[in-house]
Amino acid sequence: MALFTEWSERIKLITSIVVAVVVNIVIGVFLYLAVKKHNELQRELTSLQKEVEALREKANQLPAKKEVRRRVEAENADILKKLPPQSEIPLLMDRISEVASQAPVQLKDVRKVTGGPPPIGAAYVKELWGTSIEANFHSLVKFINHVEENFDRFIAFEDLTIASRQGGLVPHGTGHDVRVNVATYRYLQQ
């Protein structure tokens, strides 16, 4: 019986040691996994904090970007107002004819000049009208100046050729024959 009691004491001791080792191993594995998960979560938190900071920076820049966008849109709206829609171009030529009669400049031949298709990717197309004008130089310059500066639409005079009706010296008030192209632009989506 002493052997059995001694054996039983040994078994109890060994069992206690095995249980303690198993419990320590389980606790060690649990702690290892917990620390590993904590480190992963810490890295993820750091990454998210950097993303939040980057988003805050972008959010802080947003009012300035909105102001720039508002200014650009206002500038584009002003430019758009200066470029007539296609339906308004004949009316524009009528207005130019009215100004010419007041200058006094005589518009003789007003015809649409075809400029061909717009360049690829262009947002606008050039509208060109060829004209013949009879006027003295002073009236012609006043007429061109009035149209270019006072019209609410963009108008340009291009390819101007002036021929005097008299050869040699040109006295004040002499009439000239003028050929000029009147140009404006319009947006294609209109």
Protein backbone atom coordinates (compact mmCIF):
# COMPACT_ATOMS: atom_id res chain seq x y z
CA MET A 1 0.00 0.00 0.00
CA ALA A 2 2.81 2.38 0.64
CA LEU A 3 3.88 1.81 -2.91
CA PHE A 4 0.41 2.61 -4.13
CA THR A 5 0.30 5.74 -2.02
CA GLU A 6 3.72 6.75 -3.18
CA TRP A 7 2.72 6.00 -6.74
CA SER A 8 -0.48 7.84 -6.27
CA GLU A 9 1.47 10.83 -4.89
CA ARG A 10 3.74 10.66 -7.93
CA ILE A 11 0.79 10.48 -10.30
CA LYS A 12 -0.78 13.43 -8.56
CA LEU A 13 2.47 15.38 -8.82
CA ILE A 14 3.00 14.44 -12.50
CA THR A 15 -0.62 15.18 -13.33
CA SER A 16 -0.34 18.56 -11.59
CA ILE A 17 2.87 19.35 -13.49
CA VAL A 18 1.33 18.26 -16.83
CA VAL A 19 -1.80 20.29 -16.16
CA ALA A 20 0.32 23.29 -15.17
CA VAL A 21 2.46 22.94 -18.32
CA VAL A 22 -0.63 22.54 -20.55
CA VAL A 23 -2.30 25.55 -18.88
CA ASN A 24 0.90 27.60 -19.30
CA ILE A 25 1.17 26.54 -22.95
CA VAL A 26 -2.48 27.45 -23.60
CA ILE A 27 -2.05 30.79 -21.82
CA GLY A 28 1.20 31.41 -23.76
CA VAL A 29 -0.46 30.63 -27.10
CA PHE A 30 -3.43 32.81 -26.18
CA LEU A 31 -1.14 35.67 -25.14
CA TYR A 32 0.96 35.26 -28.30
CA LEU A 33 -2.14 35.38 -30.52
CA ALA A 34 -3.55 38.32 -28.53
CA VAL A 35 -0.30 40.30 -28.88
CA LYS A 36 -0.13 39.45 -32.59
CA LYS A 37 -3.74 40.59 -33.09
CA HIS A 38 -3.05 43.74 -31.06
CA ASN A 39 -0.05 44.60 -33.24
CA GLU A 40 -2.11 44.06 -36.42
CA LEU A 41 -4.88 46.26 -35.07
CA GLN A 42 -2.31 48.87 -34.04
CA ARG A 43 -0.87 48.95 -37.59
CA GLU A 44 -4.39 49.17 -39.05
CA LEU A 45 -5.22 52.00 -36.65
CA THR A 46 -2.07 53.89 -37.65
CA SER A 47 -2.93 53.44 -41.32
CA LEU A 48 -6.50 54.64 -40.76
CA GLN A 49 -5.25 57.65 -38.79
CA LYS A 50 -3.00 58.59 -41.74
CA GLU A 51 -5.96 58.25 -44.12
CA VAL A 52 -8.11 60.40 -41.83
CA GLU A 53 -5.38 63.04 -41.70
CA ALA A 54 -5.07 63.01 -45.51
CA LEU A 55 -8.85 63.38 -45.81
CA ARG A 56 -8.79 66.28 -43.33
CA GLU A 57 -6.14 67.99 -45.46
CA LYS A 58 -8.28 67.53 -48.57
CA ALA A 59 -11.33 68.79 -46.70
CA ASN A 60 -9.38 71.87 -45.60
CA GLN A 61 -8.42 72.55 -49.25
CA LEU A 62 -12.00 72.15 -50.46
CA PRO A 63 -13.18 75.76 -49.84
CA ALA A 64 -10.19 77.15 -51.77
CA LYS A 65 -10.80 74.72 -54.64
CA LYS A 66 -14.50 75.62 -54.68
CA GLU A 67 -13.59 79.30 -54.91
CA VAL A 68 -11.22 78.65 -57.81
CA ARG A 69 -13.89 76.58 -59.56
CA ARG A 70 -16.48 79.33 -59.01
CA ARG A 71 -14.12 81.93 -60.51
CA VAL A 72 -13.31 79.73 -63.52
CA GLU A 73 -17.00 79.02 -64.11
CA ALA A 74 -17.75 82.76 -63.91
CA GLU A 75 -14.97 83.51 -66.41
CA ASN A 76 -16.26 80.78 -68.73
CA ALA A 77 -19.77 82.16 -68.44
CA ASP A 78 -18.47 85.60 -69.47
CA ILE A 79 -16.67 84.08 -72.46
CA LEU A 80 -19.75 82.05 -73.38
CA LYS A 81 -21.81 85.25 -73.40
CA LYS A 82 -19.41 86.73 -75.95
CA LEU A 83 -19.76 83.77 -78.34
CA PRO A 84 -23.16 83.79 -80.02
CA PRO A 85 -25.23 80.71 -80.72
CA GLN A 86 -25.71 79.83 -84.39
CA SER A 87 -29.25 81.21 -84.45
CA GLU A 88 -27.96 84.64 -83.39
CA ILE A 89 -25.24 85.02 -86.03
CA PRO A 90 -27.49 86.35 -88.84
CA LEU A 91 -28.94 88.85 -86.34
CA LEU A 92 -25.39 89.87 -85.46
CA MET A 93 -24.72 90.66 -89.13
CA ASP A 94 -27.93 92.72 -89.21
CA ARG A 95 -26.70 94.72 -86.20
CA ILE A 96 -23.36 95.27 -87.92
CA SER A 97 -25.26 96.55 -91.00
CA GLU A 98 -27.20 98.99 -88.79
CA VAL A 99 -23.98 100.34 -87.28
CA ALA A 100 -22.48 100.63 -90.78
CA SER A 101 -25.36 102.79 -91.97
CA GLN A 102 -24.79 105.17 -89.02
CA ALA A 103 -21.00 105.38 -89.52
CA PRO A 104 -21.59 106.23 -92.60
CA VAL A 105 -20.21 103.10 -94.18
CA GLN A 106 -21.93 101.30 -97.01
CA LEU A 107 -21.95 97.50 -96.74
CA LYS A 108 -22.40 96.14 -100.23
CA ASP A 109 -21.84 92.43 -100.39
CA VAL A 110 -22.27 90.38 -97.21
CA ARG A 111 -21.91 86.64 -97.68
CA LYS A 112 -21.13 83.67 -95.49
CA VAL A 113 -17.66 82.28 -96.08
CA THR A 114 -17.36 78.58 -95.34
CA GLY A 115 -14.39 77.87 -93.17
CA GLY A 116 -14.58 74.09 -93.25
CA PRO A 117 -15.01 71.77 -90.30
CA PRO A 118 -13.59 72.72 -86.91
CA PRO A 119 -10.33 71.14 -85.79
CA ILE A 120 -10.69 67.79 -84.05
CA GLY A 121 -11.38 68.28 -80.36
CA ALA A 122 -12.28 71.97 -80.75
CA ALA A 123 -15.19 73.20 -78.64
CA TYR A 124 -15.98 76.09 -80.95
CA VAL A 125 -16.16 76.89 -84.65
CA LYS A 126 -15.24 80.07 -86.49
CA GLU A 127 -18.03 81.85 -88.34
CA LEU A 128 -16.73 84.03 -91.18
CA TRP A 129 -18.61 86.55 -93.31
CA GLY A 130 -17.01 88.24 -96.30
CA THR A 131 -18.02 91.85 -96.92
CA SER A 132 -17.45 94.63 -99.43
CA ILE A 133 -17.55 98.12 -98.01
CA GLU A 134 -17.50 101.59 -99.55
CA ALA A 135 -16.32 104.28 -97.16
CA ASN A 136 -13.75 106.95 -96.54
CA PHE A 137 -10.91 105.90 -94.27
CA HIS A 138 -12.05 107.88 -91.24
CA SER A 139 -15.60 106.45 -91.34
CA LEU A 140 -14.25 102.93 -91.89
CA VAL A 141 -12.00 103.13 -88.82
CA LYS A 142 -14.82 104.53 -86.67
CA PHE A 143 -17.10 101.72 -87.84
CA ILE A 144 -14.56 98.95 -87.09
CA ASN A 145 -13.70 100.48 -83.73
CA HIS A 146 -17.36 100.79 -82.73
CA VAL A 147 -18.16 97.17 -83.63
CA GLU A 148 -15.09 95.65 -81.96
CA GLU A 149 -15.40 97.64 -78.73
CA ASN A 150 -19.12 98.09 -78.20
CA PHE A 151 -20.73 94.84 -79.26
CA ASP A 152 -21.59 92.40 -76.49
CA ARG A 153 -20.33 89.56 -78.70
CA PHE A 154 -16.81 88.83 -79.89
CA ILE A 155 -16.32 90.31 -83.39
CA ALA A 156 -13.05 90.64 -85.29
CA PHE A 157 -12.21 92.07 -88.69
CA GLU A 158 -9.71 90.01 -90.65
CA ASP A 159 -7.94 90.15 -94.02
CA LEU A 160 -8.63 93.82 -94.58
CA THR A 161 -7.75 95.17 -98.04
CA ILE A 162 -8.27 98.82 -98.90
CA ALA A 163 -8.12 100.22 -102.42
CA SER A 164 -8.48 103.90 -103.15
CA ARG A 165 -10.83 104.87 -105.94
CA GLN A 166 -8.27 107.45 -107.04
CA GLY A 167 -4.69 106.75 -107.95
CA GLY A 168 -1.77 108.57 -106.38
CA LEU A 169 -2.44 111.01 -103.56
CA VAL A 170 -5.64 110.47 -101.63
CA PRO A 171 -7.33 113.70 -100.54
CA HIS A 172 -9.30 113.82 -97.29
CA GLY A 173 -12.73 112.20 -97.59
CA THR A 174 -11.85 110.07 -100.61
CA GLY A 175 -13.89 106.91 -100.84
CA HIS A 176 -12.25 103.50 -100.65
CA ASP A 177 -13.28 100.05 -101.72
CA VAL A 178 -12.71 97.70 -98.81
CA ARG A 179 -12.82 93.92 -98.63
CA VAL A 180 -12.85 92.49 -95.13
CA ASN A 181 -13.90 89.31 -93.37
CA VAL A 182 -16.02 89.65 -90.24
CA ALA A 183 -15.26 86.81 -87.82
CA THR A 184 -16.92 85.51 -84.71
CA TYR A 185 -16.85 82.17 -82.91
CA ARG A 186 -19.59 79.97 -81.54
CA TYR A 187 -19.55 76.94 -79.27
CA LEU A 188 -20.39 73.68 -81.04
CA GLN A 189 -22.83 72.41 -78.40
CA GLN A 190 -25.15 75.37 -79.02
